[in-house]
Amino acid sequence: MGKGKMIGVAAVLAGVAAASALFMYNSGNERPQAKDDLLGSAPAGKPAPTGGKGIIAGTLEPSLTYEKQNDAYVFTFTVKNQTERVQTVTFTSSKKYDYILYRDGQKVKQYSEGKMFAQIYEERTLKQGEKLSFQETFRGLEPGTYTLEWWLADQNWPNARAKVTFTVQ
């Protein structure tokens, strides 16, 4: 083998070793990181403070509210960018959120159960203070105590979830 080929083989081996070391360094038990369009990565999934006021680095603040309208309950799930940076929410399918509705501790309905979602990749940027909201209406609920757990379908924001309990008479 010639001197030029030896140098080429050595360079390839050095590159493979460097890439392997980098992969091993980054594939540990790290928490997911949210993408940041302006200033680099910001840590995702930090719990939102109680009270929900002010800008907190790395947090999408979730909220879940409802309004009773005749025999229907209209729920609004919102995530608000409470960071000092533009944040990106990434959806890997047409499923933007999921929820589970419980009555008296028993699962009544899960949004994603029995559904198929289109494999569409979508990124939405949220500027500082900007919100992303979703709404669902439940009708004909039987009497009981209900709990609704709702979360964003983005693995980079595991704590973008909220829960509300309400009673139907």
N, C-alpha and C. Protein backbone atom coordinates (compact mmCIF):
# COMPACT_ATOMS: atom_id res chain seq x y z
N MET A 1 0.85 -1.17 0.00
CA MET A 1 0.00 0.00 0.00
C MET A 1 0.90 1.23 0.00
N GLY A 2 0.55 2.23 -0.82
CA GLY A 2 1.35 3.43 -0.94
C GLY A 2 1.18 4.35 0.26
N LYS A 3 2.13 5.31 0.37
CA LYS A 3 2.13 6.25 1.49
C LYS A 3 0.84 7.09 1.51
N GLY A 4 0.32 7.50 0.36
CA GLY A 4 -0.90 8.30 0.29
C GLY A 4 -2.12 7.54 0.78
N LYS A 5 -2.19 6.25 0.43
CA LYS A 5 -3.31 5.44 0.88
C LYS A 5 -3.24 5.21 2.38
N MET A 6 -2.04 5.04 2.92
CA MET A 6 -1.86 4.83 4.37
C MET A 6 -2.36 6.07 5.12
N ILE A 7 -2.03 7.25 4.63
CA ILE A 7 -2.46 8.49 5.29
C ILE A 7 -3.98 8.60 5.20
N GLY A 8 -4.56 8.25 4.05
CA GLY A 8 -6.02 8.30 3.89
C GLY A 8 -6.73 7.35 4.83
N VAL A 9 -6.24 6.12 4.97
CA VAL A 9 -6.83 5.13 5.87
C VAL A 9 -6.73 5.63 7.31
N ALA A 10 -5.58 6.19 7.67
CA ALA A 10 -5.39 6.70 9.03
C ALA A 10 -6.36 7.85 9.31
N ALA A 11 -6.58 8.71 8.34
CA ALA A 11 -7.50 9.85 8.52
C ALA A 11 -8.93 9.35 8.69
N VAL A 12 -9.33 8.35 7.92
CA VAL A 12 -10.68 7.79 8.05
C VAL A 12 -10.85 7.17 9.43
N LEU A 13 -9.87 6.40 9.87
CA LEU A 13 -9.96 5.77 11.19
C LEU A 13 -10.03 6.81 12.30
N ALA A 14 -9.25 7.87 12.18
CA ALA A 14 -9.28 8.94 13.18
C ALA A 14 -10.65 9.61 13.19
N GLY A 15 -11.24 9.82 12.03
CA GLY A 15 -12.57 10.43 11.95
C GLY A 15 -13.64 9.55 12.56
N VAL A 16 -13.58 8.25 12.30
CA VAL A 16 -14.54 7.31 12.88
C VAL A 16 -14.41 7.29 14.39
N ALA A 17 -13.19 7.29 14.90
CA ALA A 17 -12.96 7.28 16.35
C ALA A 17 -13.51 8.56 16.98
N ALA A 18 -13.28 9.70 16.34
CA ALA A 18 -13.78 10.97 16.87
C ALA A 18 -15.30 10.99 16.87
N ALA A 19 -15.92 10.53 15.80
CA ALA A 19 -17.39 10.51 15.72
C ALA A 19 -17.97 9.56 16.77
N SER A 20 -17.32 8.41 16.97
CA SER A 20 -17.79 7.46 17.98
C SER A 20 -17.71 8.07 19.37
N ALA A 21 -16.61 8.74 19.66
CA ALA A 21 -16.45 9.38 20.97
C ALA A 21 -17.50 10.45 21.17
N LEU A 22 -17.79 11.22 20.16
CA LEU A 22 -18.80 12.28 20.25
C LEU A 22 -20.18 11.66 20.46
N PHE A 23 -20.49 10.59 19.74
CA PHE A 23 -21.78 9.92 19.90
C PHE A 23 -21.93 9.37 21.31
N MET A 24 -20.90 8.73 21.82
CA MET A 24 -20.96 8.17 23.16
C MET A 24 -21.12 9.27 24.21
N TYR A 25 -20.48 10.40 23.99
CA TYR A 25 -20.57 11.52 24.93
C TYR A 25 -21.99 12.09 24.95
N ASN A 26 -22.65 12.14 23.79
CA ASN A 26 -23.97 12.75 23.70
C ASN A 26 -25.12 11.78 23.92
N SER A 27 -24.88 10.47 24.01
CA SER A 27 -25.98 9.53 24.12
C SER A 27 -26.19 9.04 25.55
N GLY A 28 -25.72 9.77 26.53
CA GLY A 28 -25.93 9.42 27.92
C GLY A 28 -27.35 9.70 28.34
N ASN A 29 -27.57 9.76 29.63
CA ASN A 29 -28.92 9.98 30.16
C ASN A 29 -29.23 11.45 30.29
N GLU A 30 -29.03 12.19 29.23
CA GLU A 30 -29.31 13.62 29.25
C GLU A 30 -30.79 13.85 29.07
N ARG A 31 -31.30 14.93 29.65
CA ARG A 31 -32.69 15.32 29.45
C ARG A 31 -32.82 15.93 28.07
N PRO A 32 -33.99 15.85 27.46
CA PRO A 32 -34.19 16.46 26.14
C PRO A 32 -33.98 17.97 26.21
N GLN A 33 -33.47 18.49 25.14
CA GLN A 33 -33.24 19.93 25.06
C GLN A 33 -34.18 20.54 24.05
N ALA A 34 -34.72 21.68 24.39
CA ALA A 34 -35.59 22.40 23.45
C ALA A 34 -34.73 23.14 22.46
N LYS A 35 -35.20 23.21 21.24
CA LYS A 35 -34.47 23.98 20.23
C LYS A 35 -34.68 25.46 20.48
N ASP A 36 -33.68 26.24 20.23
CA ASP A 36 -33.77 27.67 20.42
C ASP A 36 -33.27 28.33 19.15
N ASP A 37 -34.08 29.16 18.56
CA ASP A 37 -33.75 29.75 17.28
C ASP A 37 -32.76 30.89 17.36
N LEU A 38 -32.56 31.47 18.54
CA LEU A 38 -31.69 32.64 18.62
C LEU A 38 -30.38 32.39 19.35
N LEU A 39 -30.45 31.79 20.52
CA LEU A 39 -29.27 31.76 21.39
C LEU A 39 -28.77 30.37 21.74
N GLY A 40 -29.11 29.35 20.97
CA GLY A 40 -28.65 28.01 21.28
C GLY A 40 -29.67 27.28 22.13
N SER A 41 -29.32 26.08 22.60
CA SER A 41 -30.25 25.25 23.33
C SER A 41 -30.56 25.81 24.70
N ALA A 42 -31.78 25.61 25.11
CA ALA A 42 -32.21 25.95 26.46
C ALA A 42 -32.79 24.69 27.07
N PRO A 43 -32.60 24.47 28.36
CA PRO A 43 -33.10 23.24 28.96
C PRO A 43 -34.61 23.17 28.91
N ALA A 44 -35.13 22.01 28.58
CA ALA A 44 -36.57 21.83 28.49
C ALA A 44 -37.07 21.13 29.74
N GLY A 45 -38.35 21.26 29.96
CA GLY A 45 -39.00 20.46 30.98
C GLY A 45 -38.84 20.94 32.39
N LYS A 46 -38.36 22.14 32.61
CA LYS A 46 -38.30 22.64 33.98
C LYS A 46 -39.72 22.91 34.45
N PRO A 47 -40.02 22.59 35.70
CA PRO A 47 -41.38 22.83 36.16
C PRO A 47 -41.70 24.32 36.20
N ALA A 48 -42.94 24.65 35.84
CA ALA A 48 -43.37 26.04 35.89
C ALA A 48 -43.60 26.43 37.34
N PRO A 49 -43.22 27.64 37.71
CA PRO A 49 -43.43 28.07 39.08
C PRO A 49 -44.93 28.29 39.33
N THR A 50 -45.30 28.20 40.60
CA THR A 50 -46.70 28.48 40.91
C THR A 50 -46.96 29.95 40.70
N GLY A 51 -48.14 30.26 40.31
CA GLY A 51 -48.48 31.64 40.05
C GLY A 51 -48.33 32.00 38.59
N GLY A 52 -47.37 31.37 37.87
CA GLY A 52 -47.20 31.55 36.45
C GLY A 52 -46.95 32.98 36.02
N LYS A 53 -46.14 33.71 36.75
CA LYS A 53 -45.86 35.08 36.38
C LYS A 53 -44.38 35.24 36.04
N GLY A 54 -44.12 36.06 35.05
CA GLY A 54 -42.74 36.39 34.72
C GLY A 54 -42.12 35.44 33.73
N ILE A 55 -40.93 35.82 33.29
CA ILE A 55 -40.17 35.05 32.32
C ILE A 55 -39.24 34.11 33.08
N ILE A 56 -39.28 32.83 32.72
CA ILE A 56 -38.44 31.82 33.34
C ILE A 56 -37.68 31.12 32.23
N ALA A 57 -36.36 31.11 32.30
CA ALA A 57 -35.55 30.52 31.24
C ALA A 57 -35.89 29.05 31.07
N GLY A 58 -36.19 28.65 29.82
CA GLY A 58 -36.37 27.25 29.47
C GLY A 58 -37.75 26.68 29.73
N THR A 59 -38.75 27.48 30.03
CA THR A 59 -40.04 26.92 30.39
C THR A 59 -41.15 27.33 29.43
N LEU A 60 -41.88 26.33 28.94
CA LEU A 60 -43.16 26.58 28.30
C LEU A 60 -44.19 26.35 29.39
N GLU A 61 -44.94 27.37 29.72
CA GLU A 61 -45.88 27.27 30.83
C GLU A 61 -47.22 26.74 30.32
N PRO A 62 -47.65 25.54 30.81
CA PRO A 62 -48.93 24.98 30.38
C PRO A 62 -50.07 25.47 31.25
N SER A 63 -51.26 25.54 30.67
CA SER A 63 -52.47 25.82 31.46
C SER A 63 -53.63 25.09 30.80
N LEU A 64 -54.61 24.73 31.63
CA LEU A 64 -55.80 24.05 31.14
C LEU A 64 -57.00 24.67 31.84
N THR A 65 -57.87 25.28 31.05
CA THR A 65 -59.06 25.93 31.59
C THR A 65 -60.29 25.35 30.92
N TYR A 66 -61.44 25.58 31.55
CA TYR A 66 -62.69 25.13 30.93
C TYR A 66 -63.80 26.10 31.24
N GLU A 67 -64.81 26.02 30.39
CA GLU A 67 -66.00 26.85 30.53
C GLU A 67 -67.20 25.96 30.26
N LYS A 68 -68.19 26.03 31.14
CA LYS A 68 -69.40 25.24 30.94
C LYS A 68 -70.36 26.06 30.08
N GLN A 69 -70.82 25.44 28.99
CA GLN A 69 -71.76 26.09 28.08
C GLN A 69 -72.94 25.15 27.89
N ASN A 70 -74.05 25.43 28.60
CA ASN A 70 -75.23 24.56 28.61
C ASN A 70 -74.83 23.17 29.09
N ASP A 71 -74.99 22.13 28.26
CA ASP A 71 -74.61 20.77 28.68
C ASP A 71 -73.20 20.40 28.21
N ALA A 72 -72.46 21.35 27.68
CA ALA A 72 -71.12 21.08 27.15
C ALA A 72 -70.05 21.72 28.03
N TYR A 73 -68.88 21.12 28.00
CA TYR A 73 -67.70 21.66 28.67
C TYR A 73 -66.64 21.92 27.60
N VAL A 74 -66.22 23.17 27.49
CA VAL A 74 -65.24 23.56 26.48
C VAL A 74 -63.90 23.77 27.20
N PHE A 75 -62.89 22.97 26.82
CA PHE A 75 -61.57 23.01 27.44
C PHE A 75 -60.58 23.67 26.50
N THR A 76 -59.70 24.48 27.08
CA THR A 76 -58.64 25.12 26.30
C THR A 76 -57.31 24.81 26.97
N PHE A 77 -56.44 24.14 26.20
CA PHE A 77 -55.08 23.83 26.65
C PHE A 77 -54.15 24.82 25.97
N THR A 78 -53.33 25.49 26.76
CA THR A 78 -52.43 26.52 26.24
C THR A 78 -51.03 26.31 26.78
N VAL A 79 -50.04 26.50 25.91
CA VAL A 79 -48.65 26.59 26.36
C VAL A 79 -48.16 27.98 25.98
N LYS A 80 -47.51 28.63 26.93
CA LYS A 80 -47.03 29.99 26.73
C LYS A 80 -45.52 30.01 26.89
N ASN A 81 -44.84 30.64 25.95
CA ASN A 81 -43.38 30.76 26.03
C ASN A 81 -43.03 31.77 27.11
N GLN A 82 -42.63 31.27 28.25
CA GLN A 82 -42.23 32.12 29.38
C GLN A 82 -40.71 32.13 29.49
N THR A 83 -40.03 32.19 28.37
CA THR A 83 -38.58 32.23 28.36
C THR A 83 -38.12 33.55 27.79
N GLU A 84 -36.84 33.74 27.84
CA GLU A 84 -36.23 34.94 27.28
C GLU A 84 -35.81 34.74 25.84
N ARG A 85 -36.21 33.61 25.25
CA ARG A 85 -35.77 33.25 23.91
C ARG A 85 -36.95 32.77 23.07
N VAL A 86 -36.78 32.79 21.77
CA VAL A 86 -37.74 32.16 20.88
C VAL A 86 -37.56 30.65 21.05
N GLN A 87 -38.66 29.92 21.20
CA GLN A 87 -38.60 28.48 21.38
C GLN A 87 -39.30 27.79 20.21
N THR A 88 -38.90 26.57 19.94
CA THR A 88 -39.49 25.80 18.86
C THR A 88 -40.23 24.60 19.43
N VAL A 89 -41.46 24.42 19.00
CA VAL A 89 -42.25 23.24 19.35
C VAL A 89 -42.26 22.38 18.09
N THR A 90 -41.92 21.10 18.24
CA THR A 90 -41.78 20.20 17.10
C THR A 90 -42.82 19.09 17.18
N PHE A 91 -43.58 18.95 16.12
CA PHE A 91 -44.56 17.87 16.01
C PHE A 91 -44.07 16.91 14.93
N THR A 92 -44.01 15.62 15.25
CA THR A 92 -43.55 14.63 14.28
C THR A 92 -44.70 13.94 13.56
N SER A 93 -45.93 14.35 13.89
CA SER A 93 -47.11 13.84 13.20
C SER A 93 -48.19 14.90 13.29
N SER A 94 -49.37 14.58 12.77
CA SER A 94 -50.48 15.53 12.85
C SER A 94 -51.08 15.59 14.25
N LYS A 95 -50.62 14.73 15.15
CA LYS A 95 -51.05 14.78 16.56
C LYS A 95 -50.28 15.89 17.26
N LYS A 96 -50.99 16.94 17.64
CA LYS A 96 -50.35 18.09 18.30
C LYS A 96 -50.41 17.98 19.81
N TYR A 97 -51.35 17.20 20.32
CA TYR A 97 -51.54 17.03 21.75
C TYR A 97 -52.23 15.70 22.00
N ASP A 98 -52.31 15.35 23.27
CA ASP A 98 -53.08 14.19 23.67
C ASP A 98 -53.69 14.50 25.02
N TYR A 99 -54.73 13.77 25.37
CA TYR A 99 -55.34 13.92 26.69
C TYR A 99 -56.00 12.63 27.09
N ILE A 100 -56.23 12.50 28.39
CA ILE A 100 -57.01 11.40 28.94
C ILE A 100 -58.04 12.00 29.87
N LEU A 101 -59.29 11.58 29.69
CA LEU A 101 -60.39 12.01 30.54
C LEU A 101 -60.75 10.85 31.46
N TYR A 102 -60.75 11.10 32.76
CA TYR A 102 -61.12 10.11 33.76
C TYR A 102 -62.42 10.54 34.44
N ARG A 103 -63.27 9.57 34.77
CA ARG A 103 -64.44 9.83 35.61
C ARG A 103 -64.35 8.92 36.82
N ASP A 104 -64.37 9.53 38.00
CA ASP A 104 -64.26 8.80 39.25
C ASP A 104 -63.08 7.82 39.22
N GLY A 105 -61.96 8.29 38.65
CA GLY A 105 -60.73 7.51 38.62
C GLY A 105 -60.61 6.51 37.49
N GLN A 106 -61.65 6.33 36.69
CA GLN A 106 -61.63 5.37 35.59
C GLN A 106 -61.49 6.11 34.26
N LYS A 107 -60.63 5.59 33.40
CA LYS A 107 -60.42 6.21 32.09
C LYS A 107 -61.69 6.11 31.26
N VAL A 108 -62.13 7.28 30.74
CA VAL A 108 -63.32 7.36 29.91
C VAL A 108 -62.92 7.48 28.44
N LYS A 109 -61.92 8.32 28.18
CA LYS A 109 -61.55 8.59 26.79
C LYS A 109 -60.10 9.06 26.73
N GLN A 110 -59.40 8.62 25.69
CA GLN A 110 -58.09 9.17 25.36
C GLN A 110 -58.16 9.65 23.92
N TYR A 111 -57.71 10.88 23.72
CA TYR A 111 -57.80 11.51 22.40
C TYR A 111 -57.18 10.64 21.31
N SER A 112 -55.99 10.12 21.54
CA SER A 112 -55.25 9.42 20.49
C SER A 112 -55.67 7.96 20.30
N GLU A 113 -56.44 7.43 21.24
CA GLU A 113 -56.79 6.01 21.20
C GLU A 113 -57.65 5.69 19.98
N GLY A 114 -57.22 4.72 19.21
CA GLY A 114 -57.96 4.27 18.04
C GLY A 114 -57.84 5.18 16.82
N LYS A 115 -56.95 6.18 16.91
CA LYS A 115 -56.77 7.10 15.78
C LYS A 115 -55.44 6.85 15.10
N MET A 116 -55.39 7.22 13.85
CA MET A 116 -54.13 7.22 13.11
C MET A 116 -53.82 8.67 12.76
N PHE A 117 -52.55 9.01 12.80
CA PHE A 117 -52.13 10.38 12.54
C PHE A 117 -51.18 10.39 11.35
N ALA A 118 -51.33 11.41 10.51
CA ALA A 118 -50.46 11.56 9.35
C ALA A 118 -49.04 11.85 9.82
N GLN A 119 -48.07 11.28 9.14
CA GLN A 119 -46.66 11.49 9.49
C GLN A 119 -46.18 12.79 8.83
N ILE A 120 -46.49 13.88 9.50
CA ILE A 120 -46.14 15.21 9.01
C ILE A 120 -45.23 15.86 10.03
N TYR A 121 -44.09 16.34 9.60
CA TYR A 121 -43.15 17.03 10.48
C TYR A 121 -43.46 18.53 10.44
N GLU A 122 -43.65 19.12 11.61
CA GLU A 122 -43.96 20.54 11.67
C GLU A 122 -43.25 21.18 12.86
N GLU A 123 -42.67 22.33 12.62
CA GLU A 123 -42.07 23.12 13.69
C GLU A 123 -42.82 24.43 13.81
N ARG A 124 -43.15 24.80 15.03
CA ARG A 124 -43.78 26.10 15.29
C ARG A 124 -42.91 26.87 16.25
N THR A 125 -42.59 28.08 15.88
CA THR A 125 -41.79 28.92 16.77
C THR A 125 -42.72 29.76 17.62
N LEU A 126 -42.35 29.89 18.87
CA LEU A 126 -43.09 30.73 19.80
C LEU A 126 -42.15 31.82 20.29
N LYS A 127 -42.50 33.05 19.99
CA LYS A 127 -41.72 34.18 20.49
C LYS A 127 -41.98 34.34 21.99
N GLN A 128 -41.19 35.16 22.63
CA GLN A 128 -41.34 35.42 24.05
C GLN A 128 -42.77 35.89 24.33
N GLY A 129 -43.45 35.22 25.27
CA GLY A 129 -44.80 35.59 25.64
C GLY A 129 -45.89 35.07 24.71
N GLU A 130 -45.52 34.45 23.60
CA GLU A 130 -46.49 33.94 22.63
C GLU A 130 -47.10 32.62 23.12
N LYS A 131 -48.37 32.38 22.75
CA LYS A 131 -49.11 31.20 23.18
C LYS A 131 -49.48 30.30 22.00
N LEU A 132 -49.64 29.03 22.32
CA LEU A 132 -50.15 28.04 21.38
C LEU A 132 -51.31 27.36 22.10
N SER A 133 -52.53 27.41 21.53
CA SER A 133 -53.72 26.90 22.21
C SER A 133 -54.46 25.87 21.36
N PHE A 134 -55.11 24.94 22.08
CA PHE A 134 -55.93 23.90 21.46
C PHE A 134 -57.22 23.80 22.26
N GLN A 135 -58.31 23.43 21.58
CA GLN A 135 -59.61 23.40 22.24
C GLN A 135 -60.36 22.12 21.91
N GLU A 136 -61.05 21.58 22.91
CA GLU A 136 -61.91 20.40 22.74
C GLU A 136 -63.20 20.64 23.52
N THR A 137 -64.31 20.10 23.00
CA THR A 137 -65.60 20.21 23.67
C THR A 137 -66.10 18.82 24.01
N PHE A 138 -66.56 18.65 25.26
CA PHE A 138 -67.15 17.39 25.71
C PHE A 138 -68.62 17.62 25.99
N ARG A 139 -69.46 16.77 25.42
CA ARG A 139 -70.92 16.87 25.61
C ARG A 139 -71.45 15.58 26.22
N GLY A 140 -72.57 15.71 26.90
CA GLY A 140 -73.26 14.53 27.43
C GLY A 140 -72.48 13.76 28.48
N LEU A 141 -71.72 14.44 29.30
CA LEU A 141 -70.96 13.77 30.34
C LEU A 141 -71.91 13.32 31.46
N GLU A 142 -71.75 12.10 31.90
CA GLU A 142 -72.55 11.56 33.00
C GLU A 142 -72.11 12.21 34.31
N PRO A 143 -72.99 12.25 35.31
CA PRO A 143 -72.60 12.83 36.60
C PRO A 143 -71.40 12.11 37.20
N GLY A 144 -70.53 12.87 37.85
CA GLY A 144 -69.35 12.30 38.49
C GLY A 144 -68.26 13.35 38.61
N THR A 145 -67.15 12.92 39.20
CA THR A 145 -65.98 13.79 39.32
C THR A 145 -65.00 13.39 38.23
N TYR A 146 -64.64 14.35 37.41
CA TYR A 146 -63.77 14.12 36.25
C TYR A 146 -62.41 14.76 36.47
N THR A 147 -61.41 14.12 35.89
CA THR A 147 -60.07 14.70 35.80
C THR A 147 -59.65 14.61 34.34
N LEU A 148 -59.17 15.72 33.82
CA LEU A 148 -58.66 15.76 32.45
C LEU A 148 -57.18 16.08 32.52
N GLU A 149 -56.36 15.18 31.96
CA GLU A 149 -54.91 15.39 31.85
C GLU A 149 -54.61 15.64 30.39
N TRP A 150 -53.88 16.73 30.10
CA TRP A 150 -53.64 17.13 28.71
C TRP A 150 -52.17 17.48 28.57
N TRP A 151 -51.57 17.07 27.46
CA TRP A 151 -50.15 17.36 27.26
C TRP A 151 -49.85 17.63 25.79
N LEU A 152 -48.76 18.34 25.59
CA LEU A 152 -48.27 18.67 24.26
C LEU A 152 -47.56 17.46 23.67
N ALA A 153 -47.78 17.17 22.40
CA ALA A 153 -47.17 16.02 21.74
C ALA A 153 -45.81 16.40 21.17
N ASP A 154 -44.93 16.86 22.04
CA ASP A 154 -43.55 17.18 21.66
C ASP A 154 -42.65 16.64 22.76
N GLN A 155 -41.85 15.63 22.42
CA GLN A 155 -41.00 14.99 23.43
C GLN A 155 -39.95 15.92 24.01
N ASN A 156 -39.68 17.05 23.36
CA ASN A 156 -38.71 18.01 23.89
C ASN A 156 -39.28 18.82 25.04
N TRP A 157 -40.59 18.77 25.24
CA TRP A 157 -41.24 19.53 26.31
C TRP A 157 -42.08 18.57 27.16
N PRO A 158 -41.43 17.65 27.90
CA PRO A 158 -42.19 16.64 28.66
C PRO A 158 -43.05 17.22 29.78
N ASN A 159 -42.73 18.40 30.26
CA ASN A 159 -43.52 18.99 31.35
C ASN A 159 -44.56 19.97 30.85
N ALA A 160 -44.78 20.02 29.54
CA ALA A 160 -45.84 20.87 28.98
C ALA A 160 -47.14 20.09 29.06
N ARG A 161 -47.61 19.91 30.29
CA ARG A 161 -48.82 19.15 30.56
C ARG A 161 -49.56 19.81 31.71
N ALA A 162 -50.87 19.65 31.69
CA ALA A 162 -51.70 20.26 32.74
C ALA A 162 -52.86 19.31 33.07
N LYS A 163 -53.45 19.56 34.24
CA LYS A 163 -54.53 18.70 34.71
C LYS A 163 -55.58 19.59 35.38
N VAL A 164 -56.84 19.23 35.20
CA VAL A 164 -57.93 19.94 35.86
C VAL A 164 -58.97 18.91 36.32
N THR A 165 -59.55 19.16 37.48
CA THR A 165 -60.61 18.30 38.00
C THR A 165 -61.90 19.12 38.09
N PHE A 166 -63.01 18.51 37.68
CA PHE A 166 -64.29 19.20 37.70
C PHE A 166 -65.40 18.19 37.99
N THR A 167 -66.54 18.68 38.42
CA THR A 167 -67.66 17.82 38.78
C THR A 167 -68.85 18.11 37.88
N VAL A 168 -69.47 17.04 37.40
CA VAL A 168 -70.69 17.14 36.61
C VAL A 168 -71.82 16.68 37.51
N GLN A 169 -72.84 17.52 37.68
CA GLN A 169 -73.99 17.20 38.54
C GLN A 169 -75.02 16.37 37.82
